[in-house]
C-alpha atoms as a PDB file:
ATOM      1  CA  MET A   1      -0.074   0.123  -0.074  1.00  0.00           C
ATOM      2  CA  ARG A   2       1.301   3.628  -1.041  1.00  0.00           C
ATOM      3  CA  ARG A   3       0.428   4.804   2.818  1.00  0.00           C
ATOM      4  CA  TYR A   4       1.717   8.112   2.208  1.00  0.00           C
ATOM      5  CA  ALA A   5      -0.423  10.784   0.144  1.00  0.00           C
ATOM      6  CA  VAL A   6       0.925  14.559  -0.965  1.00  0.00           C
ATOM      7  CA  PHE A   7      -1.141  17.428  -1.808  1.00  0.00           C
ATOM      8  CA  CYS A   8       0.006  20.517  -3.104  1.00  0.00           C
ATOM      9  CA  GLY A   9      -2.263  23.679  -4.065  1.00  0.00           C
ATOM     10  CA  SER A  10      -1.981  27.408  -4.757  1.00  0.00           C
ATOM     11  CA  TYR A  11      -4.858  28.570  -2.822  1.00  0.00           C
ATOM     12  CA  ASN A  12      -4.056  30.389   0.744  1.00  0.00           C
ATOM     13  CA  LEU A  13      -6.777  28.525   2.429  1.00  0.00           C
ATOM     14  CA  MET A  14      -5.778  25.184   2.848  1.00  0.00           C
ATOM     15  CA  ILE A  15      -8.974  23.191   1.278  1.00  0.00           C
ATOM     16  CA  GLY A  16      -7.324  20.484   0.224  1.00  0.00           C
ATOM     17  CA  GLY A  17      -9.083  17.716  -1.404  1.00  0.00           C
ATOM     18  CA  ALA A  18      -8.968  15.315  -4.505  1.00  0.00           C
ATOM     19  CA  LYS A  19      -7.805  17.491  -7.519  1.00  0.00           C
ATOM     20  CA  ASP A  20      -4.854  18.766  -5.293  1.00  0.00           C
ATOM     21  CA  LEU A  21      -3.578  14.792  -4.654  1.00  0.00           C
ATOM     22  CA  LEU A  22      -0.165  14.307  -6.165  1.00  0.00           C
ATOM     23  CA  GLU A  23       1.117  11.231  -5.422  1.00  0.00           C
ATOM     24  CA  SER A  24       1.033   8.304  -2.873  1.00  0.00           C
ATOM     25  CA  PHE A  25       4.318   7.163  -1.727  1.00  0.00           C
ATOM     26  CA  GLU A  26       5.034   3.945   0.443  1.00  0.00           C
ATOM     27  CA  THR A  27       7.766   5.296   3.006  1.00  0.00           C
ATOM     28  CA  LEU A  28       7.311   8.740   4.564  1.00  0.00           C
ATOM     29  CA  GLU A  29      10.923   9.746   3.275  1.00  0.00           C
ATOM     30  CA  LYS A  30      10.090   9.152  -0.146  1.00  0.00           C
ATOM     31  CA  ALA A  31       6.685  11.649   0.747  1.00  0.00           C
ATOM     32  CA  LYS A  32       9.611  14.180   2.385  1.00  0.00           C
ATOM     33  CA  GLU A  33      11.587  13.666  -0.739  1.00  0.00           C
ATOM     34  CA  LYS A  34       9.034  14.856  -2.984  1.00  0.00           C
ATOM     35  CA  VAL A  35       7.500  17.733  -0.605  1.00  0.00           C
ATOM     36  CA  GLU A  36      11.512  19.354  -0.644  1.00  0.00           C
ATOM     37  CA  GLN A  37      11.179  19.028  -4.516  1.00  0.00           C
ATOM     38  CA  ILE A  38       7.872  21.159  -4.790  1.00  0.00           C
ATOM     39  CA  PRO A  39       9.331  24.723  -3.629  1.00  0.00           C
ATOM     40  CA  LYS A  40      11.288  23.989  -6.739  1.00  0.00           C
ATOM     41  CA  GLU A  41       9.568  23.129  -9.008  1.00  0.00           C
ATOM     42  CA  ASN A  42       5.881  24.861  -8.862  1.00  0.00           C
ATOM     43  CA  SER A  43       6.602  28.566  -8.185  1.00  0.00           C
ATOM     44  CA  PHE A  44       2.236  28.868  -7.521  1.00  0.00           C
ATOM     45  CA  ALA A  45       2.016  26.387  -4.921  1.00  0.00           C
ATOM     46  CA  ASN A  46       1.451  28.071  -1.673  1.00  0.00           C
ATOM     47  CA  TRP A  47       0.808  24.472   0.946  1.00  0.00           C
ATOM     48  CA  VAL A  48       1.658  20.900   0.898  1.00  0.00           C
ATOM     49  CA  GLN A  49       0.922  18.141   3.340  1.00  0.00           C
ATOM     50  CA  ILE A  50       1.531  14.873   4.175  1.00  0.00           C
ATOM     51  CA  PHE A  51      -1.435  12.606   4.744  1.00  0.00           C
ATOM     52  CA  ASP A  52      -0.287   9.216   6.446  1.00  0.00           C
ATOM     53  CA  LYS A  53      -3.353   6.744   5.340  1.00  0.00           C
ATOM     54  CA  GLU A  54      -2.786   4.266   8.108  1.00  0.00           C
ATOM     55  CA  THR A  55      -2.924   6.810  11.220  1.00  0.00           C
ATOM     56  CA  GLU A  56      -5.446   9.657   9.329  1.00  0.00           C
ATOM     57  CA  GLU A  57      -2.485  12.117  10.271  1.00  0.00           C
ATOM     58  CA  VAL A  58      -1.672  15.635   8.114  1.00  0.00           C
ATOM     59  CA  THR A  59       1.481  17.485   8.214  1.00  0.00           C
ATOM     60  CA  VAL A  60       1.301  20.337   6.770  1.00  0.00           C
ATOM     61  CA  TYR A  61       3.749  23.103   5.397  1.00  0.00           C
ATOM     62  CA  THR A  62       3.145  26.324   3.811  1.00  0.00           C
ATOM     63  CA  ILE A  63       5.938  27.482   1.105  1.00  0.00           C
ATOM     64  CA  VAL A  64       7.430  30.782   1.768  1.00  0.00           C
ATOM     65  CA  ASP A  65      10.072  32.732  -0.008  1.00  0.00           C
ATOM     66  CA  GLY A  66      10.240  29.289  -1.644  1.00  0.00           C
ATOM     67  CA  LYS A  67      10.843  27.376   1.718  1.00  0.00           C
ATOM     68  CA  LEU A  68       9.119  25.264   3.416  1.00  0.00           C
ATOM     69  CA  LYS A  69       7.685  25.943   6.697  1.00  0.00           C
ATOM     70  CA  GLU A  70       5.972  23.087   9.507  1.00  0.00           C
ATOM     71  CA  ARG A  71       2.708  24.694  10.289  1.00  0.00           C
ATOM     72  CA  LYS A  72       1.930  23.673  13.805  1.00  0.00           C
ATOM     73  CA  ASP A  73      -1.425  24.076  14.896  1.00  0.00           C
ATOM     74  CA  GLU A  74      -2.220  24.927  18.391  1.00  0.00           C
END
């Protein structure tokens, strides 16, 4: 099973959804490699998410000045 799904979008609101799915990966490491490439490949992207299908946990990143910043919700 490809456990980790990577989503990416260009809207400021982190709505997410099936249309924002880029790809799924078997390991978290491979998903993170893809996430690190997104700011270099897509200048319109504002946010990225890694969704763990097994635990249903989401890691959210915003892209600021071409760099990833993990978003911490409190």
